[in-house]
């Protein structure tokens, strides 16, 4: 139904910035709540940002609030994650996800996933 492809990961020093992109295809982009998750080795996958269908509402956990910003461009079928003031603890695989449901916080509630893009933050 939906295909997601992430890009933009890489290596950055602490305090730096990175912008991730996720291109979608296969079904009307605006029908889906969109989110970014991350997963470090041996850790659970956790939500870092979510955005409503229209882009009018967003959610961030306290760990990234004020540093990360999610946005979507429905005309381009793309969602972004701008990451500023990066910390070593932000190091993880970052995944783009989509669901027809409203805001959800656990990975099992999301139906579609990208392949992941690695973000590594050095001290």
PDB file of N, CA and C in Angstrom:
ATOM      1  N   UNK A   1       0.831  -1.202   0.000  1.00  0.00           N
ATOM      2  CA  UNK A   1       0.000   0.000   0.000  1.00  0.00           C
ATOM      3  C   UNK A   1       0.863   1.248   0.000  1.00  0.00           C
ATOM      4  N   UNK A   2       1.898   1.250   0.849  1.00  0.00           N
ATOM      5  CA  UNK A   2       2.793   2.393   0.977  1.00  0.00           C
ATOM      6  C   UNK A   2       4.229   1.893   1.005  1.00  0.00           C
ATOM      7  N   UNK A   3       5.081   2.560   0.268  1.00  0.00           N
ATOM      8  CA  UNK A   3       6.509   2.295   0.294  1.00  0.00           C
ATOM      9  C   UNK A   3       7.229   3.525   0.829  1.00  0.00           C
ATOM     10  N   UNK A   4       8.169   3.315   1.742  1.00  0.00           N
ATOM     11  CA  UNK A   4       8.884   4.400   2.390  1.00  0.00           C
ATOM     12  C   UNK A   4      10.383   4.206   2.215  1.00  0.00           C
ATOM     13  N   UNK A   5      11.083   5.274   1.875  1.00  0.00           N
ATOM     14  CA  UNK A   5      12.525   5.227   1.685  1.00  0.00           C
ATOM     15  C   UNK A   5      13.159   6.402   2.405  1.00  0.00           C
ATOM     16  N   UNK A   6      14.004   6.101   3.410  1.00  0.00           N
ATOM     17  CA  UNK A   6      14.692   7.139   4.169  1.00  0.00           C
ATOM     18  C   UNK A   6      16.026   7.490   3.531  1.00  0.00           C
ATOM     19  N   UNK A   7      16.480   8.697   3.812  1.00  0.00           N
ATOM     20  CA  UNK A   7      17.804   9.127   3.410  1.00  0.00           C
ATOM     21  C   UNK A   7      18.261  10.242   4.340  1.00  0.00           C
ATOM     22  N   UNK A   8      19.554  10.545   4.314  1.00  0.00           N
ATOM     23  CA  UNK A   8      20.084  11.681   5.051  1.00  0.00           C
ATOM     24  C   UNK A   8      20.874  11.351   6.301  1.00  0.00           C
ATOM     25  N   UNK A   9      20.968  10.086   6.666  1.00  0.00           N
ATOM     26  CA  UNK A   9      21.752   9.727   7.836  1.00  0.00           C
ATOM     27  C   UNK A   9      23.237   9.909   7.589  1.00  0.00           C
ATOM     28  N   UNK A  10      24.003   9.846   8.673  1.00  0.00           N
ATOM     29  CA  UNK A  10      25.440   9.994   8.554  1.00  0.00           C
ATOM     30  C   UNK A  10      26.104  10.173   9.894  1.00  0.00           C
ATOM     31  N   UNK A  11      27.363  10.573   9.856  1.00  0.00           N
ATOM     32  CA  UNK A  11      28.176  10.806  11.045  1.00  0.00           C
ATOM     33  C   UNK A  11      28.276  12.298  11.304  1.00  0.00           C
ATOM     34  N   UNK A  12      28.024  12.693  12.537  1.00  0.00           N
ATOM     35  CA  UNK A  12      28.079  14.103  12.903  1.00  0.00           C
ATOM     36  C   UNK A  12      28.632  14.233  14.317  1.00  0.00           C
ATOM     37  N   UNK A  13      29.318  15.323  14.590  1.00  0.00           N
ATOM     38  CA  UNK A  13      29.834  15.570  15.930  1.00  0.00           C
ATOM     39  C   UNK A  13      28.734  16.104  16.840  1.00  0.00           C
ATOM     40  N   UNK A  14      28.898  15.879  18.127  1.00  0.00           N
ATOM     41  CA  UNK A  14      27.948  16.403  19.101  1.00  0.00           C
ATOM     42  C   UNK A  14      27.769  17.901  18.915  1.00  0.00           C
ATOM     43  N   UNK A  15      26.519  18.338  18.974  1.00  0.00           N
ATOM     44  CA  UNK A  15      26.196  19.729  18.743  1.00  0.00           C
ATOM     45  C   UNK A  15      25.848  20.058  17.310  1.00  0.00           C
ATOM     46  N   UNK A  16      26.090  19.124  16.414  1.00  0.00           N
ATOM     47  CA  UNK A  16      25.817  19.336  15.011  1.00  0.00           C
ATOM     48  C   UNK A  16      24.372  19.061  14.642  1.00  0.00           C
ATOM     49  N   UNK A  17      24.092  19.154  13.353  1.00  0.00           N
ATOM     50  CA  UNK A  17      22.736  18.991  12.836  1.00  0.00           C
ATOM     51  C   UNK A  17      22.703  18.012  11.679  1.00  0.00           C
ATOM     52  N   UNK A  18      21.531  17.438  11.470  1.00  0.00           N
ATOM     53  CA  UNK A  18      21.318  16.506  10.381  1.00  0.00           C
ATOM     54  C   UNK A  18      19.841  16.572  10.000  1.00  0.00           C
ATOM     55  N   UNK A  19      19.553  16.405   8.727  1.00  0.00           N
ATOM     56  CA  UNK A  19      18.172  16.388   8.265  1.00  0.00           C
ATOM     57  C   UNK A  19      17.882  15.087   7.533  1.00  0.00           C
ATOM     58  N   UNK A  20      16.913  14.344   8.035  1.00  0.00           N
ATOM     59  CA  UNK A  20      16.490  13.106   7.417  1.00  0.00           C
ATOM     60  C   UNK A  20      15.266  13.347   6.544  1.00  0.00           C
ATOM     61  N   UNK A  21      15.168  12.582   5.466  1.00  0.00           N
ATOM     62  CA  UNK A  21      14.023  12.654   4.575  1.00  0.00           C
ATOM     63  C   UNK A  21      13.432  11.272   4.389  1.00  0.00           C
ATOM     64  N   UNK A  22      12.136  11.220   4.147  1.00  0.00           N
ATOM     65  CA  UNK A  22      11.453   9.960   3.881  1.00  0.00           C
ATOM     66  C   UNK A  22      10.455  10.181   2.764  1.00  0.00           C
ATOM     67  N   UNK A  23      10.725   9.584   1.626  1.00  0.00           N
ATOM     68  CA  UNK A  23       9.844   9.684   0.477  1.00  0.00           C
ATOM     69  C   UNK A  23       8.854   8.525   0.474  1.00  0.00           C
ATOM     70  N   UNK A  24       7.599   8.824   0.186  1.00  0.00           N
ATOM     71  CA  UNK A  24       6.541   7.823   0.196  1.00  0.00           C
ATOM     72  C   UNK A  24       5.901   7.694  -1.173  1.00  0.00           C
ATOM     73  N   UNK A  25       5.411   6.510  -1.457  1.00  0.00           N
ATOM     74  CA  UNK A  25       4.683   6.261  -2.692  1.00  0.00           C
ATOM     75  C   UNK A  25       3.720   5.101  -2.495  1.00  0.00           C
ATOM     76  N   UNK A  26       2.768   4.949  -3.410  1.00  0.00           N
ATOM     77  CA  UNK A  26       1.886   3.799  -3.415  1.00  0.00           C
ATOM     78  C   UNK A  26       0.453   4.050  -2.968  1.00  0.00           C
ATOM     79  N   UNK A  27       0.247   5.102  -2.179  1.00  0.00           N
ATOM     80  CA  UNK A  27      -1.078   5.452  -1.699  1.00  0.00           C
ATOM     81  C   UNK A  27      -1.079   6.910  -1.279  1.00  0.00           C
ATOM     82  N   UNK A  28      -2.244   7.495  -1.218  1.00  0.00           N
ATOM     83  CA  UNK A  28      -2.355   8.910  -0.902  1.00  0.00           C
ATOM     84  C   UNK A  28      -1.606   9.246   0.377  1.00  0.00           C
ATOM     85  N   UNK A  29      -0.570  10.066   0.243  1.00  0.00           N
ATOM     86  CA  UNK A  29       0.310  10.392   1.349  1.00  0.00           C
ATOM     87  C   UNK A  29      -0.423  11.048   2.506  1.00  0.00           C
ATOM     88  N   UNK A  30      -1.351  11.926   2.195  1.00  0.00           N
ATOM     89  CA  UNK A  30      -2.029  12.692   3.229  1.00  0.00           C
ATOM     90  C   UNK A  30      -2.978  11.858   4.085  1.00  0.00           C
ATOM     91  N   UNK A  31      -3.248  10.615   3.708  1.00  0.00           N
ATOM     92  CA  UNK A  31      -4.107   9.741   4.500  1.00  0.00           C
ATOM     93  C   UNK A  31      -3.423   9.212   5.753  1.00  0.00           C
ATOM     94  N   UNK A  32      -2.112   9.362   5.846  1.00  0.00           N
ATOM     95  CA  UNK A  32      -1.334   8.685   6.876  1.00  0.00           C
ATOM     96  C   UNK A  32      -0.765   9.633   7.915  1.00  0.00           C
ATOM     97  N   UNK A  33      -0.918   9.225   9.177  1.00  0.00           N
ATOM     98  CA  UNK A  33      -0.081   9.767  10.227  1.00  0.00           C
ATOM     99  C   UNK A  33       1.353   9.284   9.971  1.00  0.00           C
ATOM    100  N   UNK A  34       2.308  10.166  10.142  1.00  0.00           N
ATOM    101  CA  UNK A  34       3.704   9.834   9.885  1.00  0.00           C
ATOM    102  C   UNK A  34       4.535   9.998  11.148  1.00  0.00           C
ATOM    103  N   UNK A  35       5.591   9.212  11.255  1.00  0.00           N
ATOM    104  CA  UNK A  35       6.413   9.252  12.450  1.00  0.00           C
ATOM    105  C   UNK A  35       7.844   8.845  12.141  1.00  0.00           C
ATOM    106  N   UNK A  36       8.735   9.230  13.051  1.00  0.00           N
ATOM    107  CA  UNK A  36      10.107   8.746  13.059  1.00  0.00           C
ATOM    108  C   UNK A  36      10.351   7.992  14.355  1.00  0.00           C
ATOM    109  N   UNK A  37      10.953   6.827  14.226  1.00  0.00           N
ATOM    110  CA  UNK A  37      11.405   6.033  15.355  1.00  0.00           C
ATOM    111  C   UNK A  37      12.914   5.879  15.281  1.00  0.00           C
ATOM    112  N   UNK A  38      13.516   5.503  16.394  1.00  0.00           N
ATOM    113  CA  UNK A  38      14.929   5.162  16.383  1.00  0.00           C
ATOM    114  C   UNK A  38      15.172   3.932  17.245  1.00  0.00           C
ATOM    115  N   UNK A  39      16.237   3.208  16.917  1.00  0.00           N
ATOM    116  CA  UNK A  39      16.578   2.008  17.654  1.00  0.00           C
ATOM    117  C   UNK A  39      18.089   1.860  17.720  1.00  0.00           C
ATOM    118  N   UNK A  40      18.611   1.855  18.929  1.00  0.00           N
ATOM    119  CA  UNK A  40      20.023   1.599  19.164  1.00  0.00           C
ATOM    120  C   UNK A  40      20.222   0.101  19.372  1.00  0.00           C
ATOM    121  N   UNK A  41      21.432  -0.416  19.142  1.00  0.00           N
ATOM    122  CA  UNK A  41      21.683  -1.846  19.329  1.00  0.00           C
ATOM    123  C   UNK A  41      21.298  -2.320  20.722  1.00  0.00           C
ATOM    124  N   UNK A  42      20.516  -3.394  20.792  1.00  0.00           N
ATOM    125  CA  UNK A  42      20.095  -3.950  22.062  1.00  0.00           C
ATOM    126  C   UNK A  42      18.999  -3.189  22.769  1.00  0.00           C
ATOM    127  N   UNK A  43      18.497  -2.142  22.169  1.00  0.00           N
ATOM    128  CA  UNK A  43      17.464  -1.316  22.788  1.00  0.00           C
ATOM    129  C   UNK A  43      16.144  -1.445  22.041  1.00  0.00           C
ATOM    130  N   UNK A  44      15.059  -1.056  22.711  1.00  0.00           N
ATOM    131  CA  UNK A  44      13.753  -1.048  22.072  1.00  0.00           C
ATOM    132  C   UNK A  44      13.647   0.106  21.089  1.00  0.00           C
ATOM    133  N   UNK A  45      12.853  -0.108  20.069  1.00  0.00           N
ATOM    134  CA  UNK A  45      12.562   0.966  19.136  1.00  0.00           C
ATOM    135  C   UNK A  45      11.659   1.997  19.830  1.00  0.00           C
ATOM    136  N   UNK A  46      12.004   3.273  19.705  1.00  0.00           N
ATOM    137  CA  UNK A  46      11.262   4.311  20.394  1.00  0.00           C
ATOM    138  C   UNK A  46      10.859   5.436  19.454  1.00  0.00           C
ATOM    139  N   UNK A  47       9.709   6.005  19.722  1.00  0.00           N
ATOM    140  CA  UNK A  47       9.200   7.122  18.945  1.00  0.00           C
ATOM    141  C   UNK A  47       9.985   8.388  19.262  1.00  0.00           C
ATOM    142  N   UNK A  48      10.371   9.123  18.234  1.00  0.00           N
ATOM    143  CA  UNK A  48      11.034  10.409  18.444  1.00  0.00           C
ATOM    144  C   UNK A  48      10.236  11.579  17.887  1.00  0.00           C
ATOM    145  N   UNK A  49       9.298  11.324  16.989  1.00  0.00           N
ATOM    146  CA  UNK A  49       8.476  12.400  16.448  1.00  0.00           C
ATOM    147  C   UNK A  49       7.302  11.817  15.686  1.00  0.00           C
ATOM    148  N   UNK A  50       6.168  12.506  15.722  1.00  0.00           N
ATOM    149  CA  UNK A  50       5.003  12.119  14.939  1.00  0.00           C
ATOM    150  C   UNK A  50       4.308  13.377  14.441  1.00  0.00           C
ATOM    151  N   UNK A  51       3.634  13.247  13.307  1.00  0.00           N
ATOM    152  CA  UNK A  51       2.940  14.377  12.709  1.00  0.00           C
ATOM    153  C   UNK A  51       1.610  13.917  12.140  1.00  0.00           C
ATOM    154  N   UNK A  52       0.587  14.744  12.313  1.00  0.00           N
ATOM    155  CA  UNK A  52      -0.752  14.409  11.868  1.00  0.00           C
ATOM    156  C   UNK A  52      -0.868  14.468  10.354  1.00  0.00           C
ATOM    157  N   UNK A  53      -2.011  14.023   9.852  1.00  0.00           N
ATOM    158  CA  UNK A  53      -2.224  13.959   8.411  1.00  0.00           C
ATOM    159  C   UNK A  53      -2.060  15.306   7.723  1.00  0.00           C
ATOM    160  N   UNK A  54      -2.583  16.340   8.341  1.00  0.00           N
ATOM    161  CA  UNK A  54      -2.510  17.671   7.764  1.00  0.00           C
ATOM    162  C   UNK A  54      -1.204  18.388   8.076  1.00  0.00           C
ATOM    163  N   UNK A  55      -0.457  17.874   9.034  1.00  0.00           N
ATOM    164  CA  UNK A  55       0.735  18.549   9.495  1.00  0.00           C
ATOM    165  C   UNK A  55       0.475  19.577  10.570  1.00  0.00           C
ATOM    166  N   UNK A  56      -0.766  19.693  11.017  1.00  0.00           N
ATOM    167  CA  UNK A  56      -1.128  20.702  11.991  1.00  0.00           C
ATOM    168  C   UNK A  56      -0.823  20.356  13.430  1.00  0.00           C
ATOM    169  N   UNK A  57      -0.487  19.107  13.704  1.00  0.00           N
ATOM    170  CA  UNK A  57      -0.181  18.683  15.063  1.00  0.00           C
ATOM    171  C   UNK A  57       1.049  17.800  15.044  1.00  0.00           C
ATOM    172  N   UNK A  58       1.912  17.985  16.035  1.00  0.00           N
ATOM    173  CA  UNK A  58       3.131  17.188  16.155  1.00  0.00           C
ATOM    174  C   UNK A  58       3.311  16.708  17.583  1.00  0.00           C
ATOM    175  N   UNK A  59       4.130  15.688  17.745  1.00  0.00           N
ATOM    176  CA  UNK A  59       4.439  15.150  19.057  1.00  0.00           C
ATOM    177  C   UNK A  59       5.924  14.852  19.144  1.00  0.00           C
ATOM    178  N   UNK A  60       6.524  15.168  20.298  1.00  0.00           N
ATOM    179  CA  UNK A  60       7.912  14.827  20.581  1.00  0.00           C
ATOM    180  C   UNK A  60       8.035  14.385  22.028  1.00  0.00           C
ATOM    181  N   UNK A  61       8.830  13.369  22.289  1.00  0.00           N
ATOM    182  CA  UNK A  61       9.128  13.051  23.691  1.00  0.00           C
ATOM    183  C   UNK A  61      10.075  14.095  24.266  1.00  0.00           C
ATOM    184  N   UNK A  62      10.148  14.143  25.587  1.00  0.00           N
ATOM    185  CA  UNK A  62      10.980  15.144  26.239  1.00  0.00           C
ATOM    186  C   UNK A  62      12.452  15.033  25.850  1.00  0.00           C
ATOM    187  N   UNK A  63      12.897  13.845  25.493  1.00  0.00           N
ATOM    188  CA  UNK A  63      14.297  13.635  25.188  1.00  0.00           C
ATOM    189  C   UNK A  63      14.772  14.403  23.954  1.00  0.00           C
ATOM    190  N   UNK A  64      13.849  14.746  23.051  1.00  0.00           N
ATOM    191  CA  UNK A  64      14.237  15.449  21.826  1.00  0.00           C
ATOM    192  C   UNK A  64      13.521  16.770  21.647  1.00  0.00           C
ATOM    193  N   UNK A  65      12.569  17.079  22.498  1.00  0.00           N
ATOM    194  CA  UNK A  65      11.787  18.304  22.368  1.00  0.00           C
ATOM    195  C   UNK A  65      12.695  19.525  22.382  1.00  0.00           C
ATOM    196  N   UNK A  66      12.480  20.406  21.423  1.00  0.00           N
ATOM    197  CA  UNK A  66      13.303  21.589  21.297  1.00  0.00           C
ATOM    198  C   UNK A  66      14.524  21.403  20.433  1.00  0.00           C
ATOM    199  N   UNK A  67      14.880  20.159  20.133  1.00  0.00           N
ATOM    200  CA  UNK A  67      16.033  19.861  19.287  1.00  0.00           C
ATOM    201  C   UNK A  67      15.630  19.270  17.937  1.00  0.00           C
ATOM    202  N   UNK A  68      14.601  18.439  17.937  1.00  0.00           N
ATOM    203  CA  UNK A  68      14.133  17.792  16.715  1.00  0.00           C
ATOM    204  C   UNK A  68      12.848  18.447  16.235  1.00  0.00           C
ATOM    205  N   UNK A  69      12.646  18.434  14.932  1.00  0.00           N
ATOM    206  CA  UNK A  69      11.438  18.991  14.346  1.00  0.00           C
ATOM    207  C   UNK A  69      11.000  18.149  13.158  1.00  0.00           C
ATOM    208  N   UNK A  70       9.762  17.664  13.192  1.00  0.00           N
ATOM    209  CA  UNK A  70       9.210  16.891  12.091  1.00  0.00           C
ATOM    210  C   UNK A  70       8.325  17.784  11.237  1.00  0.00           C
ATOM    211  N   UNK A  71       8.366  17.579   9.948  1.00  0.00           N
ATOM    212  CA  UNK A  71       7.516  18.322   9.030  1.00  0.00           C
ATOM    213  C   UNK A  71       7.141  17.423   7.859  1.00  0.00           C
ATOM    214  N   UNK A  72       6.095  17.807   7.138  1.00  0.00           N
ATOM    215  CA  UNK A  72       5.706  17.024   5.973  1.00  0.00           C
ATOM    216  C   UNK A  72       5.316  17.944   4.836  1.00  0.00           C
ATOM    217  N   UNK A  73       5.591  17.481   3.643  1.00  0.00           N
ATOM    218  CA  UNK A  73       5.219  18.179   2.428  1.00  0.00           C
ATOM    219  C   UNK A  73       4.371  17.205   1.627  1.00  0.00           C
ATOM    220  N   UNK A  74       3.060  17.322   1.759  1.00  0.00           N
ATOM    221  CA  UNK A  74       2.174  16.368   1.102  1.00  0.00           C
ATOM    222  C   UNK A  74       2.240  16.458  -0.423  1.00  0.00           C
ATOM    223  N   UNK A  75       2.547  17.637  -0.942  1.00  0.00           N
ATOM    224  CA  UNK A  75       2.675  17.794  -2.380  1.00  0.00           C
ATOM    225  C   UNK A  75       3.853  16.995  -2.923  1.00  0.00           C
ATOM    226  N   UNK A  76       4.887  16.811  -2.099  1.00  0.00           N
ATOM    227  CA  UNK A  76       6.067  16.051  -2.502  1.00  0.00           C
ATOM    228  C   UNK A  76       6.086  14.641  -1.925  1.00  0.00           C
ATOM    229  N   UNK A  77       5.045  14.279  -1.175  1.00  0.00           N
ATOM    230  CA  UNK A  77       4.953  12.951  -0.549  1.00  0.00           C
ATOM    231  C   UNK A  77       6.181  12.649   0.306  1.00  0.00           C
ATOM    232  N   UNK A  78       6.618  13.631   1.064  1.00  0.00           N
ATOM    233  CA  UNK A  78       7.855  13.510   1.830  1.00  0.00           C
ATOM    234  C   UNK A  78       7.673  14.033   3.247  1.00  0.00           C
ATOM    235  N   UNK A  79       8.277  13.338   4.199  1.00  0.00           N
ATOM    236  CA  UNK A  79       8.330  13.793   5.577  1.00  0.00           C
ATOM    237  C   UNK A  79       9.796  13.978   5.952  1.00  0.00           C
ATOM    238  N   UNK A  80      10.068  14.958   6.823  1.00  0.00           N
ATOM    239  CA  UNK A  80      11.425  15.301   7.200  1.00  0.00           C
ATOM    240  C   UNK A  80      11.596  15.243   8.711  1.00  0.00           C
ATOM    241  N   UNK A  81      12.814  15.025   9.129  1.00  0.00           N
ATOM    242  CA  UNK A  81      13.177  15.161  10.531  1.00  0.00           C
ATOM    243  C   UNK A  81      14.435  16.005  10.616  1.00  0.00           C
ATOM    244  N   UNK A  82      14.287  17.228  11.101  1.00  0.00           N
ATOM    245  CA  UNK A  82      15.426  18.109  11.327  1.00  0.00           C
ATOM    246  C   UNK A  82      15.932  17.874  12.740  1.00  0.00           C
ATOM    247  N   UNK A  83      17.195  17.528  12.864  1.00  0.00           N
ATOM    248  CA  UNK A  83      17.797  17.223  14.158  1.00  0.00           C
ATOM    249  C   UNK A  83      18.914  18.216  14.426  1.00  0.00           C
ATOM    250  N   UNK A  84      18.769  18.983  15.489  1.00  0.00           N
ATOM    251  CA  UNK A  84      19.761  19.966  15.891  1.00  0.00           C
ATOM    252  C   UNK A  84      20.314  19.622  17.268  1.00  0.00           C
ATOM    253  N   UNK A  85      21.435  20.219  17.597  1.00  0.00           N
ATOM    254  CA  UNK A  85      22.071  20.014  18.902  1.00  0.00           C
ATOM    255  C   UNK A  85      22.181  18.537  19.236  1.00  0.00           C
ATOM    256  N   UNK A  86      22.679  17.767  18.303  1.00  0.00           N
ATOM    257  CA  UNK A  86      22.734  16.322  18.463  1.00  0.00           C
ATOM    258  C   UNK A  86      23.670  15.904  19.582  1.00  0.00           C
ATOM    259  N   UNK A  87      23.284  14.836  20.260  1.00  0.00           N
ATOM    260  CA  UNK A  87      24.031  14.277  21.380  1.00  0.00           C
ATOM    261  C   UNK A  87      24.436  12.845  21.059  1.00  0.00           C
ATOM    262  N   UNK A  88      25.497  12.338  21.689  1.00  0.00           N
ATOM    263  CA  UNK A  88      25.882  10.942  21.440  1.00  0.00           C
ATOM    264  C   UNK A  88      24.755   9.949  21.690  1.00  0.00           C
ATOM    265  N   UNK A  89      23.885  10.216  22.649  1.00  0.00           N
ATOM    266  CA  UNK A  89      22.785   9.315  22.933  1.00  0.00           C
ATOM    267  C   UNK A  89      21.721   9.300  21.840  1.00  0.00           C
ATOM    268  N   UNK A  90      21.829  10.183  20.858  1.00  0.00           N
ATOM    269  CA  UNK A  90      20.939  10.155  19.703  1.00  0.00           C
ATOM    270  C   UNK A  90      21.374   9.124  18.666  1.00  0.00           C
ATOM    271  N   UNK A  91      22.531   8.531  18.842  1.00  0.00           N
ATOM    272  CA  UNK A  91      23.036   7.544  17.905  1.00  0.00           C
ATOM    273  C   UNK A  91      22.098   6.343  17.823  1.00  0.00           C
ATOM    274  N   UNK A  92      21.641   6.023  16.616  1.00  0.00           N
ATOM    275  CA  UNK A  92      20.688   4.934  16.418  1.00  0.00           C
ATOM    276  C   UNK A  92      20.386   4.790  14.932  1.00  0.00           C
ATOM    277  N   UNK A  93      19.698   3.710  14.597  1.00  0.00           N
ATOM    278  CA  UNK A  93      19.051   3.605  13.302  1.00  0.00           C
ATOM    279  C   UNK A  93      17.722   4.343  13.375  1.00  0.00           C
ATOM    280  N   UNK A  94      17.486   5.207  12.422  1.00  0.00           N
ATOM    281  CA  UNK A  94      16.263   5.990  12.390  1.00  0.00           C
ATOM    282  C   UNK A  94      15.350   5.470  11.289  1.00  0.00           C
ATOM    283  N   UNK A  95      14.093   5.225  11.655  1.00  0.00           N
ATOM    284  CA  UNK A  95      13.115   4.653  10.744  1.00  0.00           C
ATOM    285  C   UNK A  95      11.947   5.597  10.524  1.00  0.00           C
ATOM    286  N   UNK A  96      11.540   5.701   9.299  1.00  0.00           N
ATOM    287  CA  UNK A  96      10.305   6.376   8.931  1.00  0.00           C
ATOM    288  C   UNK A  96       9.159   5.370   9.008  1.00  0.00           C
ATOM    289  N   UNK A  97       8.003   5.804   9.504  1.00  0.00           N
ATOM    290  CA  UNK A  97       6.859   4.914   9.649  1.00  0.00           C
ATOM    291  C   UNK A  97       5.567   5.638   9.310  1.00  0.00           C
ATOM    292  N   UNK A  98       4.532   4.850   8.983  1.00  0.00           N
ATOM    293  CA  UNK A  98       3.238   5.409   8.618  1.00  0.00           C
ATOM    294  C   UNK A  98       2.116   4.511   9.111  1.00  0.00           C
ATOM    295  N   UNK A  99       0.984   5.136   9.457  1.00  0.00           N
ATOM    296  CA  UNK A  99      -0.200   4.404   9.874  1.00  0.00           C
ATOM    297  C   UNK A  99      -1.442   5.191   9.490  1.00  0.00           C
ATOM    298  N   UNK A 100      -2.525   4.474   9.232  1.00  0.00           N
ATOM    299  CA  UNK A 100      -3.805   5.120   8.983  1.00  0.00           C
ATOM    300  C   UNK A 100      -4.498   5.527  10.275  1.00  0.00           C
ATOM    301  N   UNK A 101      -3.986   5.082  11.402  1.00  0.00           N
ATOM    302  CA  UNK A 101      -4.515   5.464  12.692  1.00  0.00           C
ATOM    303  C   UNK A 101      -4.044   6.868  13.063  1.00  0.00           C
ATOM    304  N   UNK A 102      -4.610   7.394  14.127  1.00  0.00           N
ATOM    305  CA  UNK A 102      -4.141   8.648  14.674  1.00  0.00           C
ATOM    306  C   UNK A 102      -2.812   8.458  15.388  1.00  0.00           C
ATOM    307  N   UNK A 103      -2.421   9.441  16.179  1.00  0.00           N
ATOM    308  CA  UNK A 103      -1.151   9.370  16.892  1.00  0.00           C
ATOM    309  C   UNK A 103      -1.019   8.083  17.696  1.00  0.00           C
ATOM    310  N   UNK A 104       0.104   7.413  17.518  1.00  0.00           N
ATOM    311  CA  UNK A 104       0.445   6.198  18.251  1.00  0.00           C
ATOM    312  C   UNK A 104       1.891   6.291  18.688  1.00  0.00           C
ATOM    313  N   UNK A 105       2.233   5.583  19.760  1.00  0.00           N
ATOM    314  CA  UNK A 105       3.572   5.709  20.317  1.00  0.00           C
ATOM    315  C   UNK A 105       4.387   4.423  20.309  1.00  0.00           C
ATOM    316  N   UNK A 106       3.784   3.278  20.007  1.00  0.00           N
ATOM    317  CA  UNK A 106       4.542   2.040  19.985  1.00  0.00           C
ATOM    318  C   UNK A 106       4.709   1.551  18.552  1.00  0.00           C
ATOM    319  N   UNK A 107       5.838   0.898  18.269  1.00  0.00           N
ATOM    320  CA  UNK A 107       6.090   0.461  16.888  1.00  0.00           C
ATOM    321  C   UNK A 107       5.022  -0.448  16.308  1.00  0.00           C
ATOM    322  N   UNK A 108       4.417  -1.313  17.137  1.00  0.00           N
ATOM    323  CA  UNK A 108       3.419  -2.249  16.655  1.00  0.00           C
ATOM    324  C   UNK A 108       2.168  -1.601  16.106  1.00  0.00           C
ATOM    325  N   UNK A 109       1.955  -0.337  16.403  1.00  0.00           N
ATOM    326  CA  UNK A 109       0.789   0.375  15.898  1.00  0.00           C
ATOM    327  C   UNK A 109       1.003   0.920  14.489  1.00  0.00           C
ATOM    328  N   UNK A 110       2.217   0.844  13.995  1.00  0.00           N
ATOM    329  CA  UNK A 110       2.526   1.361  12.668  1.00  0.00           C
ATOM    330  C   UNK A 110       2.574   0.242  11.649  1.00  0.00           C
ATOM    331  N   UNK A 111       2.040   0.512  10.474  1.00  0.00           N
ATOM    332  CA  UNK A 111       1.845  -0.511   9.454  1.00  0.00           C
ATOM    333  C   UNK A 111       2.954  -0.563   8.413  1.00  0.00           C
ATOM    334  N   UNK A 112       3.608   0.560   8.168  1.00  0.00           N
ATOM    335  CA  UNK A 112       4.586   0.645   7.097  1.00  0.00           C
ATOM    336  C   UNK A 112       5.868   1.263   7.606  1.00  0.00           C
ATOM    337  N   UNK A 113       6.983   0.726   7.132  1.00  0.00           N
ATOM    338  CA  UNK A 113       8.304   1.120   7.600  1.00  0.00           C
ATOM    339  C   UNK A 113       9.293   1.248   6.464  1.00  0.00           C
ATOM    340  N   UNK A 114      10.185   2.206   6.601  1.00  0.00           N
ATOM    341  CA  UNK A 114      11.330   2.272   5.721  1.00  0.00           C
ATOM    342  C   UNK A 114      12.418   1.326   6.183  1.00  0.00           C
ATOM    343  N   UNK A 115      13.523   1.323   5.474  1.00  0.00           N
ATOM    344  CA  UNK A 115      14.615   0.387   5.766  1.00  0.00           C
ATOM    345  C   UNK A 115      15.530   0.864   6.874  1.00  0.00           C
ATOM    346  N   UNK A 116      15.435   2.120   7.252  1.00  0.00           N
ATOM    347  CA  UNK A 116      16.271   2.690   8.286  1.00  0.00           C
ATOM    348  C   UNK A 116      17.486   3.401   7.722  1.00  0.00           C
ATOM    349  N   UNK A 117      17.904   4.456   8.407  1.00  0.00           N
ATOM    350  CA  UNK A 117      19.123   5.172   8.047  1.00  0.00           C
ATOM    351  C   UNK A 117      19.908   5.446   9.327  1.00  0.00           C
ATOM    352  N   UNK A 118      21.209   5.210   9.278  1.00  0.00           N
ATOM    353  CA  UNK A 118      22.039   5.290  10.473  1.00  0.00           C
ATOM    354  C   UNK A 118      22.426   6.727  10.777  1.00  0.00           C
ATOM    355  N   UNK A 119      22.259   7.105  12.041  1.00  0.00           N
ATOM    356  CA  UNK A 119      22.740   8.380  12.555  1.00  0.00           C
ATOM    357  C   UNK A 119      23.729   8.081  13.667  1.00  0.00           C
ATOM    358  N   UNK A 120      24.939   8.587  13.528  1.00  0.00           N
ATOM    359  CA  UNK A 120      25.976   8.388  14.531  1.00  0.00           C
ATOM    360  C   UNK A 120      26.496   9.741  14.982  1.00  0.00           C
ATOM    361  N   UNK A 121      26.451   9.980  16.285  1.00  0.00           N
ATOM    362  CA  UNK A 121      26.889  11.246  16.862  1.00  0.00           C
ATOM    363  C   UNK A 121      28.103  10.978  17.737  1.00  0.00           C
ATOM    364  N   UNK A 122      29.212  11.593  17.410  1.00  0.00           N
ATOM    365  CA  UNK A 122      30.446  11.406  18.156  1.00  0.00           C
ATOM    366  C   UNK A 122      30.610  12.495  19.212  1.00  0.00           C
ATOM    367  N   UNK A 123      31.376  12.174  20.258  1.00  0.00           N
ATOM    368  CA  UNK A 123      31.621  13.128  21.337  1.00  0.00           C
ATOM    369  C   UNK A 123      32.599  14.194  20.914  1.00  0.00           C
TER     370      UNK A 123
END
